[in-house]
Protein backbone atom coordinates (compact mmCIF):
# COMPACT_ATOMS: atom_id res chain seq x y z
CA MET A 1 15.03 2.71 12.04
CA ARG A 2 17.57 2.09 14.76
CA ALA A 3 21.14 3.33 14.93
CA PRO A 4 23.65 1.57 17.17
CA LEU A 5 22.85 4.30 19.68
CA PRO A 6 19.15 5.24 19.23
CA SER A 7 18.63 8.77 18.01
CA PRO A 8 15.32 10.30 16.78
CA ARG A 9 15.16 11.61 13.26
CA ARG A 10 14.41 15.32 13.02
CA ILE A 11 12.79 17.50 10.41
CA ALA A 12 14.51 20.77 9.55
CA VAL A 13 13.50 23.79 11.64
CA GLY A 14 12.39 25.68 8.52
CA ALA A 15 9.99 22.89 7.59
CA GLY A 16 8.58 22.91 11.11
CA LEU A 17 7.90 26.65 10.92
CA ALA A 18 6.17 26.16 7.58
CA LEU A 19 3.88 23.55 9.10
CA LEU A 20 2.99 25.84 11.99
CA ALA A 21 2.08 28.56 9.53
CA ALA A 22 -0.21 26.11 7.73
CA GLY A 23 -1.94 25.12 10.96
CA LEU A 24 -0.55 21.59 10.91
CA THR A 25 1.40 19.83 13.61
CA PRO A 26 5.16 19.73 12.78
CA LEU A 27 5.90 16.19 13.87
CA ALA A 28 9.18 14.43 13.20
CA ALA A 29 7.14 11.41 12.00
CA SER A 30 9.92 9.00 12.87
CA ALA A 31 9.09 5.33 13.06
CA ASN A 32 8.68 4.31 16.67
CA PRO A 33 6.47 2.22 18.93
CA ALA A 34 4.93 5.36 20.46
CA GLY A 35 3.02 5.96 17.25
CA ASN A 36 3.75 9.69 17.01
CA GLY A 37 4.56 9.97 13.30
CA LEU A 38 3.84 8.77 9.77
CA VAL A 39 4.53 5.20 8.70
CA ILE A 40 4.39 3.27 5.46
CA SER A 41 1.37 1.08 6.11
CA GLU A 42 1.12 -0.98 2.92
CA VAL A 43 3.20 -1.79 -0.17
CA TYR A 44 1.79 -3.53 -3.27
CA GLY A 45 3.65 -4.12 -6.53
CA GLY A 46 1.44 -6.65 -8.32
CA GLY A 47 -1.05 -4.21 -9.80
CA GLY A 48 -2.08 -5.09 -13.34
CA ASN A 49 -0.18 -8.38 -13.31
CA SER A 50 -1.71 -11.73 -14.24
CA GLY A 51 -4.24 -12.80 -11.60
CA ALA A 52 -4.35 -9.36 -9.95
CA THR A 53 -7.66 -7.64 -9.18
CA LEU A 54 -6.21 -4.14 -8.83
CA LYS A 55 -4.86 -2.39 -11.92
CA ASN A 56 -2.12 -0.34 -10.23
CA ASP A 57 0.78 -0.67 -7.83
CA PHE A 58 0.55 1.52 -4.73
CA ILE A 59 2.18 2.58 -1.48
CA GLU A 60 -0.01 3.69 1.42
CA LEU A 61 0.85 5.88 4.42
CA TYR A 62 -0.85 6.03 7.81
CA ASN A 63 -0.96 8.78 10.43
CA PRO A 64 -1.54 7.32 13.92
CA THR A 65 -1.59 10.73 15.62
CA ASP A 66 -4.44 13.07 16.53
CA ALA A 67 -3.33 15.86 14.18
CA ALA A 68 -2.87 16.13 10.42
CA ILE A 69 0.74 15.87 9.24
CA SER A 70 1.87 17.76 6.14
CA VAL A 71 3.84 15.90 3.48
CA ALA A 72 4.40 18.96 1.29
CA GLY A 73 7.94 18.76 -0.03
CA TRP A 74 8.25 15.07 0.91
CA SER A 75 8.45 12.05 -1.39
CA LEU A 76 7.91 8.32 -1.62
CA GLN A 77 10.86 6.56 -3.18
CA TRP A 78 11.54 3.09 -4.56
CA ARG A 79 14.65 0.99 -5.03
CA SER A 80 14.72 -2.49 -6.52
CA GLN A 81 15.42 -5.61 -4.46
CA ASN A 82 19.13 -5.75 -5.29
CA GLY A 83 19.60 -2.08 -6.04
CA THR A 84 22.58 -0.10 -4.78
CA GLY A 85 23.02 3.62 -4.31
CA ALA A 86 20.19 6.12 -4.39
CA ALA A 87 16.56 5.22 -5.05
CA THR A 88 15.69 5.11 -8.75
CA GLY A 89 12.06 6.20 -8.41
CA VAL A 90 10.89 9.37 -6.63
CA THR A 91 7.25 10.49 -6.33
CA PRO A 92 6.74 13.99 -4.83
CA LEU A 93 3.93 14.34 -2.28
CA THR A 94 1.56 17.21 -1.57
CA GLY A 95 -1.09 18.01 1.01
CA SER A 96 -1.33 16.25 4.33
CA VAL A 97 -2.25 12.93 5.94
CA PRO A 98 -5.34 13.29 8.15
CA ALA A 99 -5.30 12.34 11.81
CA LYS A 100 -5.86 8.59 12.19
CA GLY A 101 -6.09 8.45 8.40
CA HIS A 102 -4.36 7.15 5.30
CA TYR A 103 -2.71 8.66 2.22
CA LEU A 104 -2.61 6.69 -1.02
CA VAL A 105 0.16 6.97 -3.61
CA GLN A 106 -0.69 5.32 -6.91
CA GLN A 107 2.10 3.97 -9.10
CA SER A 108 2.26 2.32 -12.53
CA ALA A 109 -0.43 0.10 -14.05
CA GLY A 110 -0.12 -3.26 -15.77
CA ASN A 111 -2.22 -4.80 -18.53
CA ALA A 112 -4.42 -6.94 -16.30
CA GLY A 113 -6.66 -6.32 -13.30
CA THR A 114 -10.29 -5.23 -13.23
CA THR A 115 -10.51 -2.69 -10.41
CA ASN A 116 -9.17 0.85 -10.08
CA LEU A 117 -7.66 2.16 -6.89
CA PRO A 118 -9.71 4.73 -4.98
CA THR A 119 -8.81 8.28 -6.04
CA PRO A 120 -5.11 8.58 -5.11
CA ASP A 121 -3.71 11.43 -3.02
CA ALA A 122 -0.55 11.43 -5.14
CA THR A 123 0.36 9.73 -8.40
CA GLY A 124 3.69 8.44 -9.66
CA THR A 125 4.89 6.32 -12.56
CA ILE A 126 7.20 3.92 -10.72
CA ALA A 127 7.04 0.32 -11.98
CA MET A 128 7.46 -1.37 -8.61
CA GLY A 129 8.69 -4.93 -8.28
CA GLY A 130 5.89 -7.46 -8.22
CA SER A 131 7.28 -9.35 -5.25
CA ASN A 132 10.05 -7.27 -3.68
CA GLY A 133 11.83 -3.94 -3.35
CA THR A 134 12.36 -1.07 -0.92
CA ALA A 135 9.83 1.69 -0.18
CA ILE A 136 11.21 4.86 1.40
CA LEU A 137 9.29 7.79 2.88
CA SER A 138 11.59 10.81 2.75
CA ASN A 139 11.16 14.32 4.12
CA GLY A 140 12.69 15.69 0.90
CA THR A 141 12.61 15.02 -2.84
CA THR A 142 16.28 14.16 -3.40
CA ALA A 143 16.80 10.45 -4.08
CA VAL A 144 18.04 8.77 -0.90
CA ASP A 145 20.62 5.98 -0.57
CA PRO A 146 19.33 3.72 2.24
CA GLY A 147 22.44 1.53 2.22
CA ALA A 148 22.21 -2.24 2.62
CA GLY A 149 21.41 -4.67 5.39
CA SER A 150 19.81 -3.38 8.58
CA ALA A 151 19.40 0.31 7.80
CA LEU A 152 21.01 2.90 10.05
CA ALA A 153 19.48 6.25 10.97
CA ASN A 154 19.30 8.71 8.11
CA ALA A 155 17.99 12.25 8.64
CA ALA A 156 16.25 12.18 5.24
CA ILE A 157 14.37 8.92 5.87
CA VAL A 158 11.11 9.08 7.81
CA ASP A 159 10.23 5.40 7.35
CA LEU A 160 11.52 2.47 5.29
CA VAL A 161 10.02 -0.89 4.38
CA GLY A 162 12.30 -3.47 2.82
CA VAL A 163 10.01 -6.02 1.16
CA ASP A 164 12.14 -9.14 0.75
CA SER A 165 14.86 -6.66 -0.18
CA ASN A 166 18.56 -6.03 0.46
CA VAL A 167 17.86 -3.30 3.03
CA TRP A 168 15.33 -3.30 5.86
CA GLU A 169 14.58 -1.93 9.32
CA GLY A 170 15.67 -3.84 12.39
CA ALA A 171 15.98 -7.61 12.58
CA GLY A 172 14.72 -8.63 9.16
CA LYS A 173 12.86 -8.03 5.90
CA ALA A 174 9.14 -7.57 5.39
CA PRO A 175 7.50 -10.57 3.66
CA ALA A 176 7.43 -10.76 -0.13
CA MET A 177 4.43 -9.55 -2.13
CA SER A 178 2.60 -11.32 -4.96
CA ASN A 179 0.02 -10.42 -7.60
CA THR A 180 -2.69 -11.07 -5.01
CA SER A 181 -1.00 -9.97 -1.78
CA SER A 182 0.65 -6.88 -0.34
CA SER A 183 3.12 -6.36 2.49
CA LYS A 184 0.99 -4.72 5.16
CA ARG A 185 1.57 -3.34 8.65
CA ASN A 186 0.17 -5.79 11.20
CA ALA A 187 -1.57 -3.26 13.44
CA THR A 188 -2.68 0.26 12.63
CA GLY A 189 0.38 2.45 12.94
CA ALA A 190 2.38 -0.06 14.99
CA ASP A 191 6.10 0.29 14.29
CA SER A 192 8.76 -1.45 16.36
CA ASP A 193 11.41 -0.68 13.72
CA ASN A 194 11.48 -4.35 12.69
CA ASN A 195 10.08 -4.95 9.21
CA ASN A 196 9.92 -8.71 9.68
CA THR A 197 7.49 -8.48 12.61
CA ASP A 198 5.70 -5.20 11.85
CA LEU A 199 4.44 -6.30 8.44
CA SER A 200 2.75 -9.41 7.08
CA SER A 201 1.40 -10.64 3.76
CA SER A 202 -2.32 -10.44 2.95
CA ALA A 203 -4.75 -9.26 0.25
CA PRO A 204 -4.20 -5.60 -0.69
CA THR A 205 -6.57 -3.08 0.91
CA PRO A 206 -5.71 0.44 -0.33
CA VAL A 207 -7.38 3.40 1.42
CA ASN A 208 -7.06 7.09 0.49
CA SER A 209 -7.20 10.19 2.70
CA LYS A 210 -10.99 10.31 2.39
CA GLY A 211 -11.32 6.77 3.68
CA GLU A 212 -12.36 5.46 0.27
CA VAL A 213 -11.64 1.89 -0.82
CA PRO A 214 -11.66 0.20 -4.27
CA VAL A 215 -15.08 -0.24 -5.90
CA PRO A 216 -15.42 -3.32 -8.14
CA PRO A 217 -16.59 -2.54 -11.67
CA VAL A 218 -20.34 -2.67 -12.29
CA LEU A 219 -21.45 -5.41 -14.66
CA PRO A 220 -23.19 -3.90 -17.73
CA SER A 221 -26.99 -4.15 -17.49
CA SER A 222 -27.20 -6.24 -20.68
CA LYS A 223 -24.92 -8.87 -19.20
CA LYS A 224 -26.71 -8.78 -15.88
CA GLY A 225 -30.01 -9.36 -17.70
CA LEU A 226 -28.56 -12.30 -19.60
CA LEU A 227 -27.24 -13.87 -16.40
CA THR A 228 -30.60 -13.38 -14.71
CA GLU A 229 -32.42 -15.16 -17.52
CA LEU A 230 -29.92 -18.01 -17.51
CA GLU A 231 -30.31 -18.38 -13.76
CA LYS A 232 -34.10 -18.49 -14.15
CA GLU A 233 -34.08 -20.97 -17.05
CA PRO A 234 -35.06 -24.38 -15.64
CA THR A 235 -33.88 -27.70 -16.93
CA GLU A 236 -35.69 -31.01 -16.90
CA THR A 237 -34.20 -33.65 -14.68
CA SER A 238 -35.46 -37.22 -14.22
CA LYS A 239 -36.72 -38.42 -10.91
CA PRO A 240 -35.34 -41.69 -9.48
CA THR A 241 -36.02 -44.91 -11.40
CA GLY A 242 -39.60 -46.15 -11.02
CA ASP A 243 -41.21 -42.73 -11.31
CA ASN A 244 -42.18 -41.72 -14.83
CA THR A 245 -42.81 -38.06 -13.97
CA THR A 246 -40.26 -35.27 -14.39
CA ALA A 247 -39.46 -32.29 -12.22
CA ARG A 248 -38.34 -28.78 -13.12
CA GLY A 249 -35.22 -27.59 -11.37
CA ARG A 250 -31.98 -25.60 -11.65
CA SER A 251 -29.05 -26.96 -13.53
CA THR A 252 -26.29 -28.17 -11.26
CA SER A 253 -23.66 -27.87 -13.95
């Protein structure tokens, strides 16, 4: 995010020492075009809604650097589209985001959808908005107040995506979501601090830290056998007028 006078966000010295002890690179992970820190790469709130394929909402992170970045003691937070004050949903994070890799945070499920997310790296119970809201990556677990309008620098905020919301980074909001689309970063790790140009709307594509993606459910063998027989079953169709013979062929219905 940009302050009137640009200033990089910093992680506390104690946290940096802890990362060094764990063998991980203690990066500030601030959003910036240089791509040297974590970003929120995808936000989807239509999970389990009517017409959705995926059963759960999710928020995905991406690490564009060449070293793993620890998120131990961090959180992903959510505030509704017109919310004020601190975020109302906080999901603590553990582990780390691999170099050039993703980190998947699963949220609440709806009653529809057919496909599970890949195994999440963290799990929360936040019922995200189906079309809008604000996702916040924080370097702590205390609920953060991101303010309103074009967000100013906040030492506790690593990245923020305002999806058609009342707070955003830079010049404008990220595009709204739907039951079949997420708000997704345009290029891997690219972050100009402008939600309206850094993210676009497209079909959700969640990826976890192992690089796994959703696997559609397997059709039971009994149903597959039935479909196979139906596909094989021919129907009689008449040839053009003047020919009394008939031909066997597939139904076009």
